Amino acid sequence: MGTTAYSLRSLVDKWLAPTQRTPARLVQIGRAQTSRSRFVRFERQTPVGFVTIVFFRHDDGSWCVFPPRGKVPAMCHVCDDR
């Protein structure tokens, strides 16, 4: 599955549509416990409450709203051509 890389700023603009009157605030920076991948959490106030979105950093340097796939153990072998 291919994804197009966007900057974190462009994703915040796309998903939260901040304005001068209602800016998006960076609320948290951290690492996921299981995958150790980086994440940032932004929020923006709306007339009905707060909207919060978490962006995850992937191994290729891109930011996405979904977490990167975890690395799973795999077995590999060399096929013997006889």
C-alpha atoms as a PDB file:
ATOM      1  CA  MET A   1       0.000   0.000   0.000  1.00  0.00           C
ATOM      2  CA  GLY A   2       1.632   3.227  -1.102  1.00  0.00           C
ATOM      3  CA  THR A   3       1.146   6.476   0.718  1.00  0.00           C
ATOM      4  CA  THR A   4       1.987  10.000  -0.282  1.00  0.00           C
ATOM      5  CA  ALA A   5       4.221  11.754   2.224  1.00  0.00           C
ATOM      6  CA  TYR A   6       2.964  15.054   3.601  1.00  0.00           C
ATOM      7  CA  SER A   7       4.563  17.349   6.144  1.00  0.00           C
ATOM      8  CA  LEU A   8       3.165  17.313   9.645  1.00  0.00           C
ATOM      9  CA  ARG A   9       2.092  20.939   9.223  1.00  0.00           C
ATOM     10  CA  SER A  10       0.115  20.172   6.062  1.00  0.00           C
ATOM     11  CA  LEU A  11      -1.618  17.248   7.792  1.00  0.00           C
ATOM     12  CA  VAL A  12      -2.578  19.417  10.770  1.00  0.00           C
ATOM     13  CA  ASP A  13      -3.978  21.995   8.327  1.00  0.00           C
ATOM     14  CA  LYS A  14      -5.861  19.292   6.426  1.00  0.00           C
ATOM     15  CA  TRP A  15      -7.377  17.453   9.389  1.00  0.00           C
ATOM     16  CA  LEU A  16      -7.888  20.255  11.926  1.00  0.00           C
ATOM     17  CA  ALA A  17      -8.248  23.339   9.670  1.00  0.00           C
ATOM     18  CA  PRO A  18      -6.859  25.753  12.253  1.00  0.00           C
ATOM     19  CA  THR A  19      -7.598  29.467  11.987  1.00  0.00           C
ATOM     20  CA  GLN A  20      -6.205  32.497  13.754  1.00  0.00           C
ATOM     21  CA  ARG A  21      -9.214  32.532  16.081  1.00  0.00           C
ATOM     22  CA  THR A  22      -9.146  28.763  16.735  1.00  0.00           C
ATOM     23  CA  PRO A  23      -5.574  27.491  16.342  1.00  0.00           C
ATOM     24  CA  ALA A  24      -4.501  23.875  16.649  1.00  0.00           C
ATOM     25  CA  ARG A  25      -2.458  23.261  19.787  1.00  0.00           C
ATOM     26  CA  LEU A  26       0.307  20.725  20.189  1.00  0.00           C
ATOM     27  CA  VAL A  27      -0.772  18.841  23.310  1.00  0.00           C
ATOM     28  CA  GLN A  28       1.611  15.891  23.584  1.00  0.00           C
ATOM     29  CA  ILE A  29       4.803  14.495  22.071  1.00  0.00           C
ATOM     30  CA  GLY A  30       5.842  10.944  22.853  1.00  0.00           C
ATOM     31  CA  ARG A  31       6.660   7.417  21.819  1.00  0.00           C
ATOM     32  CA  ALA A  32       4.230   4.525  21.557  1.00  0.00           C
ATOM     33  CA  GLN A  33       4.966   1.919  24.224  1.00  0.00           C
ATOM     34  CA  THR A  34       4.793  -1.121  21.982  1.00  0.00           C
ATOM     35  CA  SER A  35       6.405   0.042  18.745  1.00  0.00           C
ATOM     36  CA  ARG A  36       8.485   2.929  20.159  1.00  0.00           C
ATOM     37  CA  SER A  37       7.368   5.005  17.163  1.00  0.00           C
ATOM     38  CA  ARG A  38       6.989   8.741  17.669  1.00  0.00           C
ATOM     39  CA  PHE A  39       3.629  10.411  17.889  1.00  0.00           C
ATOM     40  CA  VAL A  40       2.257  13.910  18.380  1.00  0.00           C
ATOM     41  CA  ARG A  41      -1.205  14.878  19.556  1.00  0.00           C
ATOM     42  CA  PHE A  42      -2.909  18.088  18.417  1.00  0.00           C
ATOM     43  CA  GLU A  43      -6.235  19.524  19.433  1.00  0.00           C
ATOM     44  CA  ARG A  44      -8.498  22.326  18.275  1.00  0.00           C
ATOM     45  CA  GLN A  45     -11.532  23.807  19.955  1.00  0.00           C
ATOM     46  CA  THR A  46     -14.800  23.780  18.007  1.00  0.00           C
ATOM     47  CA  PRO A  47     -18.248  25.117  18.923  1.00  0.00           C
ATOM     48  CA  VAL A  48     -19.244  21.656  20.213  1.00  0.00           C
ATOM     49  CA  GLY A  49     -16.013  20.771  22.034  1.00  0.00           C
ATOM     50  CA  PHE A  50     -12.442  19.758  21.308  1.00  0.00           C
ATOM     51  CA  VAL A  51     -11.221  17.729  18.348  1.00  0.00           C
ATOM     52  CA  THR A  52      -8.059  15.745  19.014  1.00  0.00           C
ATOM     53  CA  ILE A  53      -5.971  13.918  16.409  1.00  0.00           C
ATOM     54  CA  VAL A  54      -2.845  11.841  16.929  1.00  0.00           C
ATOM     55  CA  PHE A  55      -0.245  11.687  14.148  1.00  0.00           C
ATOM     56  CA  PHE A  56       2.273   8.826  14.013  1.00  0.00           C
ATOM     57  CA  ARG A  57       5.774   8.957  12.526  1.00  0.00           C
ATOM     58  CA  HIS A  58       6.518   6.050  10.185  1.00  0.00           C
ATOM     59  CA  ASP A  59       9.907   4.490   9.422  1.00  0.00           C
ATOM     60  CA  ASP A  60      10.086   6.291   6.075  1.00  0.00           C
ATOM     61  CA  GLY A  61       9.797   9.663   7.848  1.00  0.00           C
ATOM     62  CA  SER A  62       6.167  10.304   6.912  1.00  0.00           C
ATOM     63  CA  TRP A  63       3.412  11.295   9.356  1.00  0.00           C
ATOM     64  CA  CYS A  64       0.039   9.539   9.255  1.00  0.00           C
ATOM     65  CA  VAL A  65      -3.141   9.350  11.330  1.00  0.00           C
ATOM     66  CA  PHE A  66      -2.714   5.589  11.619  1.00  0.00           C
ATOM     67  CA  PRO A  67       0.139   3.943  13.548  1.00  0.00           C
ATOM     68  CA  PRO A  68       2.912   2.109  11.728  1.00  0.00           C
ATOM     69  CA  ARG A  69       2.613  -1.628  11.468  1.00  0.00           C
ATOM     70  CA  GLY A  70       4.500  -3.384  14.177  1.00  0.00           C
ATOM     71  CA  LYS A  71       7.442  -5.537  13.303  1.00  0.00           C
ATOM     72  CA  VAL A  72       6.539  -9.169  13.705  1.00  0.00           C
ATOM     73  CA  PRO A  73       8.848 -12.150  13.928  1.00  0.00           C
ATOM     74  CA  ALA A  74       9.293 -13.916  10.627  1.00  0.00           C
ATOM     75  CA  MET A  75      11.021 -17.051   9.521  1.00  0.00           C
ATOM     76  CA  CYS A  76      12.958 -17.100   6.311  1.00  0.00           C
ATOM     77  CA  HIS A  77      14.893 -19.758   4.609  1.00  0.00           C
ATOM     78  CA  VAL A  78      16.992 -20.171   1.524  1.00  0.00           C
ATOM     79  CA  CYS A  79      15.471 -22.405  -1.070  1.00  0.00           C
ATOM     80  CA  ASP A  80      17.828 -25.067  -2.311  1.00  0.00           C
ATOM     81  CA  ASP A  81      17.610 -25.424  -6.113  1.00  0.00           C
ATOM     82  CA  ARG A  82      18.486 -29.023  -6.864  1.00  0.00           C
END
